Protein backbone atom coordinates (compact mmCIF):
# COMPACT_ATOMS: atom_id res chain seq x y z
CA MET A 1 -16.81 14.47 14.10
CA SER A 2 -17.49 13.62 10.46
CA LEU A 3 -20.56 11.70 9.35
CA PHE A 4 -18.39 8.74 8.29
CA TRP A 5 -17.02 8.22 11.80
CA LYS A 6 -20.45 8.74 13.37
CA ILE A 7 -21.94 6.03 11.15
CA PHE A 8 -18.93 3.73 11.59
CA ILE A 9 -18.88 4.00 15.39
CA THR A 10 -22.67 3.71 15.72
CA PHE A 11 -23.00 0.65 13.50
CA GLY A 12 -19.82 -0.87 14.93
CA ILE A 13 -21.06 -0.62 18.51
CA ALA A 14 -24.58 -1.80 17.60
CA MET A 15 -23.36 -4.82 15.66
CA THR A 16 -20.75 -5.68 18.29
CA MET A 17 -23.35 -5.61 21.05
CA THR A 18 -25.75 -7.67 18.95
CA LEU A 19 -23.19 -10.34 18.17
CA VAL A 20 -21.85 -10.44 21.73
CA VAL A 21 -25.38 -10.88 23.07
CA ALA A 22 -25.98 -13.61 20.50
CA VAL A 23 -22.83 -15.43 21.57
CA PHE A 24 -23.73 -14.99 25.23
CA VAL A 25 -27.23 -16.41 24.67
CA SER A 26 -25.70 -19.29 22.72
CA PHE A 27 -23.46 -20.17 25.65
CA GLN A 28 -26.45 -19.97 27.96
CA LEU A 29 -28.42 -22.35 25.76
CA VAL A 30 -25.46 -24.69 25.61
CA GLY A 31 -25.34 -24.62 29.39
CA GLN A 32 -29.05 -25.39 29.63
CA ALA A 33 -28.67 -28.30 27.24
CA PHE A 34 -25.88 -29.75 29.38
CA ASP A 35 -26.24 -33.53 29.58
CA GLN A 36 -25.71 -34.89 33.10
CA LEU A 37 -24.59 -38.21 31.66
CA ASP A 38 -21.88 -36.69 29.40
CA ILE A 39 -19.26 -35.99 32.09
CA GLU A 40 -15.75 -37.35 32.05
CA ASN A 41 -15.12 -39.75 34.99
CA ARG A 42 -18.79 -39.48 35.93
CA GLU A 43 -19.01 -43.03 37.26
CA GLU A 44 -15.83 -42.64 39.33
CA ILE A 45 -17.17 -39.42 40.90
CA ILE A 46 -20.45 -41.11 41.82
CA GLN A 47 -18.53 -44.07 43.28
CA GLU A 48 -16.38 -41.76 45.42
CA ALA A 49 -19.42 -39.84 46.67
CA ALA A 50 -21.17 -43.10 47.60
CA GLU A 51 -18.11 -44.33 49.47
CA ALA A 52 -17.79 -41.03 51.34
CA LEU A 53 -21.46 -41.26 52.39
CA GLU A 54 -21.09 -44.91 53.43
CA GLN A 55 -17.89 -44.41 55.44
CA GLY A 56 -18.52 -41.01 57.03
CA SER A 57 -22.27 -40.61 56.83
CA LEU A 58 -23.50 -37.05 56.13
CA PRO A 59 -20.43 -35.24 57.61
CA GLY A 60 -18.15 -37.38 55.51
CA LEU A 61 -20.19 -36.59 52.38
CA GLU A 62 -20.01 -32.86 53.14
CA SER A 63 -16.23 -33.03 53.65
CA TRP A 64 -15.81 -34.91 50.39
CA LEU A 65 -17.99 -32.35 48.58
CA GLU A 66 -15.94 -29.42 49.86
CA GLU A 67 -12.82 -31.02 48.35
CA HIS A 68 -14.50 -31.92 45.06
CA GLN A 69 -16.70 -28.87 44.30
CA VAL A 70 -15.15 -28.54 40.83
CA PRO A 71 -14.54 -32.01 39.40
CA GLY A 72 -13.62 -30.65 35.95
CA PRO A 73 -13.24 -27.48 33.83
CA GLY A 74 -16.53 -25.57 33.64
CA VAL A 75 -18.34 -28.09 35.90
CA MET A 76 -19.49 -27.65 39.51
CA LEU A 77 -20.70 -30.52 41.73
CA MET A 78 -23.74 -30.02 43.98
CA ILE A 79 -25.60 -32.45 46.32
CA ILE A 80 -29.24 -31.84 47.25
CA ASP A 81 -30.98 -33.43 50.24
CA GLU A 82 -34.61 -34.53 50.40
CA ASP A 83 -35.69 -31.03 51.52
CA GLY A 84 -34.20 -29.47 48.38
CA ASP A 85 -31.28 -27.82 50.23
CA GLU A 86 -27.72 -27.98 48.97
CA LEU A 87 -25.31 -29.49 51.49
CA LEU A 88 -22.89 -26.55 51.34
CA GLY A 89 -25.67 -23.97 51.35
CA ARG A 90 -25.21 -22.95 47.73
CA GLU A 91 -28.12 -21.84 45.58
CA LEU A 92 -29.19 -24.19 42.81
CA PRO A 93 -29.50 -22.57 39.36
CA ARG A 94 -33.08 -22.49 38.15
CA ARG A 95 -32.31 -24.13 34.83
CA TYR A 96 -31.29 -27.36 36.67
CA SER A 97 -34.42 -27.63 38.78
CA TRP A 98 -36.10 -29.82 36.17
CA LEU A 99 -33.41 -32.45 36.62
CA LEU A 100 -34.60 -33.10 40.18
CA ASN A 101 -37.83 -34.49 38.74
CA ALA A 102 -36.15 -36.65 36.10
CA ARG A 103 -37.36 -40.26 35.99
CA PRO A 104 -34.85 -43.01 36.85
CA ARG A 105 -33.46 -45.30 34.21
CA PHE A 106 -33.78 -48.91 35.40
CA GLY A 107 -31.58 -51.83 34.47
CA GLN A 108 -28.23 -50.14 35.13
CA ARG A 109 -25.76 -51.08 37.82
CA GLY A 110 -23.93 -48.86 40.32
CA PRO A 111 -22.66 -48.71 43.90
CA PRO A 112 -24.74 -50.74 46.40
CA ASN A 113 -26.09 -47.61 48.07
CA VAL A 114 -26.99 -45.84 44.80
CA ARG A 115 -30.38 -46.25 43.16
CA PRO A 116 -30.59 -47.23 39.50
CA LEU A 117 -28.72 -44.83 37.23
CA GLN A 118 -30.61 -41.71 36.13
CA MET A 119 -29.81 -38.19 34.88
CA THR A 120 -29.27 -37.06 38.49
CA PRO A 121 -28.09 -40.05 40.52
CA ASN A 122 -29.45 -40.63 44.04
CA LEU A 123 -27.14 -41.41 46.95
CA VAL A 124 -28.82 -43.42 49.73
CA ALA A 125 -27.51 -43.16 53.30
CA ALA A 126 -27.67 -45.92 55.92
CA ASP A 127 -30.68 -44.23 57.56
CA GLY A 128 -32.56 -44.30 54.26
CA ARG A 129 -32.20 -40.59 53.42
CA GLU A 130 -31.57 -39.83 49.76
CA TYR A 131 -29.27 -37.21 48.27
CA ARG A 132 -29.30 -36.03 44.64
CA LEU A 133 -25.93 -35.66 42.95
CA LEU A 134 -26.00 -32.86 40.32
CA PHE A 135 -23.35 -31.81 37.82
CA VAL A 136 -23.84 -28.07 37.18
CA ARG A 137 -22.34 -26.15 34.25
CA THR A 138 -20.52 -23.05 35.46
CA GLN A 139 -22.65 -20.02 34.53
CA ILE A 140 -21.19 -17.65 31.95
CA THR A 141 -21.59 -13.96 32.88
CA VAL A 142 -20.68 -10.80 31.02
CA LEU A 143 -18.64 -9.53 33.95
CA GLY A 144 -16.82 -12.84 34.08
CA VAL A 145 -15.77 -12.73 30.46
CA LEU A 146 -12.09 -12.49 31.41
CA THR A 147 -12.37 -15.93 32.98
CA TRP A 148 -13.62 -17.58 29.76
CA PRO A 149 -11.44 -20.23 28.14
CA ALA A 150 -9.20 -19.27 25.23
CA THR A 151 -11.70 -20.52 22.68
CA GLN A 152 -14.31 -18.10 23.99
CA PHE A 153 -11.82 -15.23 23.79
CA ALA A 154 -11.24 -16.15 20.18
CA VAL A 155 -14.98 -16.13 19.52
CA LEU A 156 -15.31 -12.69 21.12
CA PHE A 157 -12.39 -11.33 19.08
CA LEU A 158 -13.87 -12.67 15.86
CA VAL A 159 -17.25 -11.16 16.76
CA VAL A 160 -15.74 -7.68 17.24
CA LEU A 161 -13.64 -8.04 14.09
CA ALA A 162 -16.66 -9.11 12.04
CA ALA A 163 -18.71 -6.19 13.39
CA LEU A 164 -16.04 -3.63 12.51
CA ALA A 165 -15.40 -5.21 9.10
CA THR A 166 -19.12 -5.00 8.34
CA ALA A 167 -19.56 -1.48 9.73
CA LEU A 168 -16.63 -0.03 7.75
CA PRO A 169 -17.97 -0.60 4.20
CA LEU A 170 -21.48 0.22 5.37
CA ALA A 171 -20.34 3.57 6.81
CA ARG A 172 -18.38 4.33 3.66
CA TYR A 173 -21.32 3.35 1.46
CA LEU A 174 -23.67 5.70 3.33
CA SER A 175 -21.33 8.65 3.88
CA SER A 176 -19.35 8.81 0.61
CA PRO A 177 -22.28 10.17 -1.49
CA ILE A 178 -22.92 12.89 1.09
CA MET A 179 -19.25 13.87 1.18
CA ARG A 180 -19.21 13.92 -2.63
CA LEU A 181 -22.30 16.16 -2.66
CA GLN A 182 -20.66 18.46 -0.12
CA LYS A 183 -17.49 18.72 -2.21
CA THR A 184 -19.48 19.36 -5.38
CA SER A 185 -21.67 22.03 -3.77
CA ARG A 186 -18.59 23.85 -2.47
CA ALA A 187 -17.03 23.77 -5.92
CA LEU A 188 -20.22 25.21 -7.42
CA ALA A 189 -20.29 27.93 -4.78
CA ALA A 190 -16.66 28.77 -5.64
CA GLY A 191 -17.63 29.30 -9.30
CA ALA A 192 -16.67 25.95 -10.85
CA LEU A 193 -20.05 25.55 -12.55
CA GLU A 194 -18.90 22.57 -14.62
CA THR A 195 -18.53 20.41 -11.47
CA ARG A 196 -20.90 17.43 -11.20
CA VAL A 197 -21.49 14.59 -8.75
CA GLY A 198 -20.98 12.12 -11.59
CA GLU A 199 -20.49 8.38 -11.51
CA PRO A 200 -20.89 6.03 -9.76
CA PHE A 201 -23.31 7.88 -7.48
CA ASN A 202 -25.70 9.07 -10.20
CA ARG A 203 -26.04 5.47 -11.48
CA ARG A 204 -27.40 4.12 -8.23
CA ARG A 205 -31.07 3.14 -8.20
CA ASP A 206 -31.83 4.21 -4.64
CA GLU A 207 -32.67 7.58 -3.08
CA VAL A 208 -29.01 8.60 -3.11
CA GLY A 209 -28.82 8.03 -6.86
CA THR A 210 -31.98 10.09 -7.37
CA LEU A 211 -30.51 12.91 -5.28
CA ALA A 212 -27.25 12.81 -7.25
CA ARG A 213 -29.07 12.98 -10.58
CA ASP A 214 -31.27 15.84 -9.37
CA PHE A 215 -28.20 17.67 -8.10
CA ASP A 216 -26.43 17.29 -11.45
CA ALA A 217 -29.54 18.49 -13.25
CA MET A 218 -29.69 21.53 -10.97
CA ALA A 219 -25.99 22.25 -11.60
CA GLU A 220 -26.51 21.90 -15.35
CA GLN A 221 -29.41 24.34 -15.31
CA LEU A 222 -27.47 26.73 -13.07
CA GLN A 223 -24.53 26.68 -15.45
CA GLU A 224 -26.79 27.34 -18.42
CA LEU A 225 -28.46 30.27 -16.65
CA VAL A 226 -25.16 31.85 -15.61
CA THR A 227 -23.65 31.30 -19.05
CA ALA A 228 -26.71 32.80 -20.71
CA LYS A 229 -26.54 35.81 -18.41
CA GLU A 230 -22.84 36.36 -19.10
CA THR A 231 -23.40 35.94 -22.83
CA LEU A 232 -26.30 38.38 -22.81
CA LEU A 233 -24.28 40.88 -20.79
CA ARG A 234 -21.35 40.62 -23.17
CA ASP A 235 -23.50 40.83 -26.30
CA VAL A 236 -25.51 43.79 -25.05
CA SER A 237 -22.34 45.62 -24.01
CA HIS A 238 -20.84 44.94 -27.41
CA GLU A 239 -23.93 46.23 -29.18
CA PHE A 240 -23.77 49.44 -27.16
CA ARG A 241 -20.40 50.31 -28.64
CA SER A 242 -21.70 51.12 -32.14
CA PRO A 243 -24.47 53.55 -31.02
CA LEU A 244 -22.05 55.17 -28.60
CA ALA A 245 -19.51 55.72 -31.36
CA ARG A 246 -22.17 57.37 -33.55
CA ILE A 247 -23.35 59.52 -30.64
CA ARG A 248 -19.83 60.76 -30.01
CA MET A 249 -19.35 61.62 -33.69
CA ALA A 250 -22.67 63.46 -33.79
CA LEU A 251 -21.76 65.24 -30.55
CA ALA A 252 -18.47 66.45 -32.00
CA LEU A 253 -20.29 67.86 -35.05
CA ALA A 254 -22.88 69.52 -32.81
CA GLN A 255 -20.15 71.17 -30.70
CA ARG A 256 -18.68 72.72 -33.85
CA LYS A 257 -22.02 74.16 -34.97
CA ALA A 258 -23.49 75.12 -31.59
CA ASN A 259 -23.36 78.62 -30.19
CA GLU A 260 -21.73 79.55 -26.88
CA PRO A 261 -24.81 79.09 -24.60
CA SER A 262 -25.24 75.48 -25.84
CA GLN A 263 -21.63 74.43 -25.22
CA ALA A 264 -22.21 73.76 -21.51
CA ASP A 265 -25.03 71.33 -22.26
CA LEU A 266 -23.05 69.60 -24.95
CA THR A 267 -20.08 69.28 -22.61
CA ARG A 268 -22.36 67.63 -20.05
CA ILE A 269 -23.60 65.19 -22.70
CA GLU A 270 -20.00 64.41 -23.68
CA HIS A 271 -19.11 63.69 -20.05
CA GLU A 272 -22.02 61.30 -19.58
CA THR A 273 -21.24 59.61 -22.89
CA GLU A 274 -17.69 58.97 -21.73
CA ARG A 275 -18.98 57.49 -18.47
CA LEU A 276 -21.34 55.25 -20.39
CA ASP A 277 -18.54 54.12 -22.70
CA GLU A 278 -16.32 53.41 -19.68
CA LEU A 279 -19.12 51.39 -18.07
CA VAL A 280 -19.64 49.34 -21.23
CA GLY A 281 -15.92 48.62 -21.36
CA GLU A 282 -15.81 47.44 -17.75
CA VAL A 283 -18.86 45.23 -18.23
CA MET A 284 -17.28 43.62 -21.28
CA THR A 285 -14.04 43.10 -19.36
CA LEU A 286 -15.88 41.47 -16.47
CA ALA A 287 -17.85 39.20 -18.82
CA ARG A 288 -14.65 38.16 -20.58
CA LEU A 289 -12.87 37.38 -17.31
CA ARG A 290 -15.71 35.15 -16.18
CA SER A 291 -16.08 33.21 -19.41
CA GLN A 292 -12.59 32.87 -20.90
CA PRO A 293 -9.32 31.40 -19.61
CA VAL A 294 -6.20 33.46 -19.06
CA ALA A 295 -5.18 34.59 -22.56
CA LYS A 296 -1.44 35.05 -22.09
CA THR A 297 0.84 33.94 -19.27
CA GLU A 298 4.19 35.54 -18.52
CA ARG A 299 6.54 35.90 -15.58
CA ILE A 300 5.76 39.10 -13.71
CA ALA A 301 7.98 40.86 -11.17
CA LEU A 302 5.30 42.06 -8.76
CA ASP A 303 7.46 44.65 -7.00
CA GLU A 304 8.19 46.38 -10.33
CA LEU A 305 4.57 46.14 -11.48
CA VAL A 306 3.15 47.60 -8.25
CA GLY A 307 5.83 50.32 -8.30
CA GLU A 308 4.79 51.41 -11.81
CA ILE A 309 1.11 51.49 -10.84
CA VAL A 310 1.90 53.60 -7.73
CA GLU A 311 3.93 56.08 -9.81
CA ASN A 312 1.04 56.47 -12.26
CA ALA A 313 -1.35 57.00 -9.37
CA ARG A 314 0.90 59.70 -7.88
CA PHE A 315 0.91 61.48 -11.22
CA GLU A 316 -2.90 61.35 -11.47
CA HIS A 317 -3.44 62.39 -7.81
CA PRO A 318 -0.67 64.87 -6.93
CA ASP A 319 -2.59 66.17 -3.89
CA THR A 320 -2.73 62.77 -2.11
CA GLU A 321 0.31 61.26 -0.44
CA ILE A 322 0.84 57.64 -1.49
CA HIS A 323 3.33 55.60 0.52
CA TYR A 324 4.72 52.45 -1.11
CA GLU A 325 6.73 49.79 0.72
CA ALA A 326 8.05 46.62 -0.92
CA ALA A 327 9.34 44.10 1.63
CA ALA A 328 9.76 41.30 -0.93
CA SER A 329 10.58 40.76 -4.61
CA PRO A 330 8.21 37.95 -5.62
CA HIS A 331 7.37 36.78 -9.11
CA LEU A 332 4.05 35.56 -10.50
CA SER A 333 3.07 33.62 -13.62
CA GLY A 334 0.03 35.30 -15.13
CA ASN A 335 -1.40 37.91 -17.46
CA ARG A 336 0.33 41.26 -16.92
CA THR A 337 -2.53 43.32 -18.35
CA GLU A 338 -5.10 41.69 -16.10
CA MET A 339 -2.94 42.00 -12.99
CA THR A 340 -2.26 45.66 -13.75
CA ARG A 341 -6.00 46.31 -14.07
CA ALA A 342 -6.75 44.47 -10.83
CA ILE A 343 -4.18 46.35 -8.73
CA GLU A 344 -5.03 49.69 -10.34
CA ASN A 345 -8.70 49.27 -9.46
CA VAL A 346 -7.90 48.77 -5.77
CA ILE A 347 -5.48 51.73 -5.59
CA ARG A 348 -7.89 54.05 -7.43
CA ASN A 349 -10.70 52.97 -5.14
CA ALA A 350 -8.51 53.85 -2.13
CA LEU A 351 -7.59 57.23 -3.64
CA ASN A 352 -11.25 58.04 -4.20
CA HIS A 353 -11.96 57.46 -0.51
CA ALA A 354 -8.66 58.51 1.08
CA GLY A 355 -10.17 61.36 3.07
CA GLU A 356 -8.35 64.63 3.66
CA ALA A 357 -4.90 65.02 2.14
CA GLN A 358 -2.31 63.99 4.71
CA ALA A 359 0.92 62.04 5.01
CA ASN A 360 0.50 58.39 4.02
CA ALA A 361 -3.19 58.92 3.20
CA VAL A 362 -2.92 55.79 1.05
CA ALA A 363 -0.45 53.07 2.01
CA VAL A 364 0.54 50.31 -0.42
CA LYS A 365 2.58 47.41 0.94
CA LEU A 366 4.04 44.37 -0.82
CA ARG A 367 5.14 41.57 1.50
CA ALA A 368 5.58 37.82 1.58
CA GLY A 369 2.86 36.00 3.53
CA ALA A 370 2.11 32.47 4.66
CA GLY A 371 -0.10 31.81 1.63
CA GLY A 372 2.17 33.49 -0.96
CA VAL A 373 2.53 37.21 -1.56
CA GLU A 374 0.23 39.91 -0.17
CA ILE A 375 -0.47 43.34 -1.63
CA SER A 376 -2.32 45.55 0.84
CA VAL A 377 -3.85 48.92 -0.01
CA ALA A 378 -5.11 50.99 2.93
CA ASP A 379 -6.87 54.36 3.02
CA ARG A 380 -8.10 56.63 5.81
CA GLY A 381 -11.65 57.06 4.63
CA PRO A 382 -14.87 56.26 6.49
CA GLY A 383 -14.59 52.49 5.93
CA VAL A 384 -17.37 50.05 5.09
CA PRO A 385 -20.03 48.48 7.38
CA GLU A 386 -18.83 45.05 8.55
CA ALA A 387 -21.89 43.31 7.09
CA GLU A 388 -21.07 44.64 3.60
CA LEU A 389 -17.33 43.97 3.40
CA GLU A 390 -17.76 40.87 1.23
CA ARG A 391 -20.39 42.46 -1.02
CA ILE A 392 -18.15 45.28 -2.26
CA PHE A 393 -16.62 42.74 -4.67
CA GLU A 394 -19.99 42.10 -6.33
CA PRO A 395 -20.71 43.85 -9.67
CA PHE A 396 -22.56 47.20 -9.40
CA TYR A 397 -22.59 47.09 -5.60
CA ARG A 398 -21.78 50.45 -4.01
CA VAL A 399 -21.84 51.64 -0.42
CA ASP A 400 -22.70 55.27 -0.96
CA GLU A 401 -23.96 55.76 2.59
CA SER A 402 -20.60 55.01 4.22
CA ARG A 403 -18.04 55.92 1.54
CA ASP A 404 -18.03 59.58 0.53
CA HIS A 405 -17.16 59.48 -3.18
CA LYS A 406 -14.88 62.09 -4.61
CA ARG A 407 -16.24 61.01 -7.96
CA SER A 408 -18.95 58.54 -8.79
CA GLY A 409 -17.82 55.04 -9.80
CA GLN A 410 -19.55 52.24 -11.59
CA GLY A 411 -19.22 49.56 -8.90
CA ILE A 412 -17.40 47.13 -11.20
CA GLY A 413 -13.74 47.79 -10.49
CA LEU A 414 -13.45 45.63 -7.36
CA ALA A 415 -15.53 42.89 -9.05
CA ILE A 416 -12.95 42.84 -11.86
CA THR A 417 -10.16 42.62 -9.27
CA ALA A 418 -11.82 39.64 -7.57
CA SER A 419 -12.26 37.84 -10.92
CA VAL A 420 -8.64 38.45 -11.96
CA LEU A 421 -7.27 37.13 -8.66
CA GLU A 422 -9.51 34.05 -8.85
CA ARG A 423 -8.20 33.34 -12.35
CA HIS A 424 -4.65 33.56 -11.01
CA GLY A 425 -5.26 31.26 -8.03
CA GLY A 426 -5.52 34.07 -5.48
CA ARG A 427 -8.16 35.87 -3.47
CA VAL A 428 -9.01 39.35 -2.24
CA VAL A 429 -10.33 40.35 1.18
CA ALA A 430 -11.35 43.65 2.75
CA ARG A 431 -11.33 44.72 6.38
CA ASN A 432 -11.79 47.92 8.33
CA ARG A 433 -8.72 49.36 10.01
CA PRO A 434 -8.83 49.97 13.78
CA GLU A 435 -7.50 53.52 13.27
CA GLY A 436 -10.10 54.19 10.56
CA GLY A 437 -10.33 53.50 6.86
CA LEU A 438 -10.46 50.41 4.68
CA GLU A 439 -7.70 47.92 3.88
CA VAL A 440 -7.96 45.67 0.81
CA VAL A 441 -5.52 42.75 0.68
CA LEU A 442 -4.69 40.84 -2.51
CA VAL A 443 -3.28 37.37 -1.80
CA LEU A 444 -1.47 35.71 -4.70
CA PRO A 445 0.69 32.60 -5.12
CA SER A 446 4.30 33.54 -5.77
CA GLU A 447 7.37 31.97 -7.35
CA THR A 448 10.94 32.02 -6.11
CA PRO A 449 12.77 34.78 -7.99
CA GLU A 450 15.55 33.68 -10.31
CA PRO A 451 19.10 34.65 -9.25
CA ASP A 452 20.69 37.47 -11.17
């Protein structure tokens, strides 16, 4: 359950209970303040009770009371004898006990066997015994809420409606900044470093506003650090190119002048220089992918592109069987050069770790998936530890312990692939195959191919 609904339900229930209790207490206080004199047909009821006592004595009064227990809506009639007992054996509510001690009001007329009018009139029998006539407000209980009059139902409905109407904006006010922070933090984690919490949350003057401003300041500093790192990496790589070019020229001159015993050493230097130049090129490519938008967009037939890359790989690795299967003919809008580099890196990585030469040592499949188009490249090498499957797409990360390299790589190829797919709205995942080896899957959005 989301935080919004937790806050909404909690505050809604709390406020509803508070208002219902307040209404209940109000009805109780109204009942306690009930005026014995403010009863419709009060005088007629007293007259009838006096006549019943005069004509039938105590049994007649009891019979009359049984027939007139409820003289009106929300009112109950009770008669108390001199011993404090109710004639029908009912219990007298505590809040009406004080009326039994009320002082009489003289100077008012009534039936001949009724004492002067007071808050609780006295009925006097022929034998001189007195009986107190008491009008009791029907007690309102929570369990008896369904028996309330329509006006009380309306009050209860308005109470619940007011509680929910108050809890809704309060829950939204408290939860919306947290949801905005969550969305912003996920965007930052996904690489959108320009994302900020922004207004109106960072303009608030409470703790939430302070948190939003601190979060934006952190994101700003994080973006500056990452940008500075990428810029430094790109500049340093670019500066390496000039010394490397001079080294290669000097090496070529040295190979011409050197004698036969020195050629092996110079060849080794040339090989390492080429590796260094290749590394500088990959670093510059990675820095460019992370800092610049897609340079050129064109419509790419993925089945043709993957087919060309597979044919080139077969030419470069004649001893390894490469099986290619295209189950779809999707198209993609993107940069052809970048996509070629991304797919090539995955296929070359699989060829480097394919294991012994055998049928279908590397399998490349192009198929339509639920999220677009999928390009899977599977080898039969030793695989990668499960805990490191996501890290193989980080720059310079290599798993030498589990992947027996046919030739040493730089650890940047898969990082370039991940950056290219992210720029094209896709993603790349890796998983170990149950029968052994690693499978890398490139997921890309596709377009419907145009009819011929």
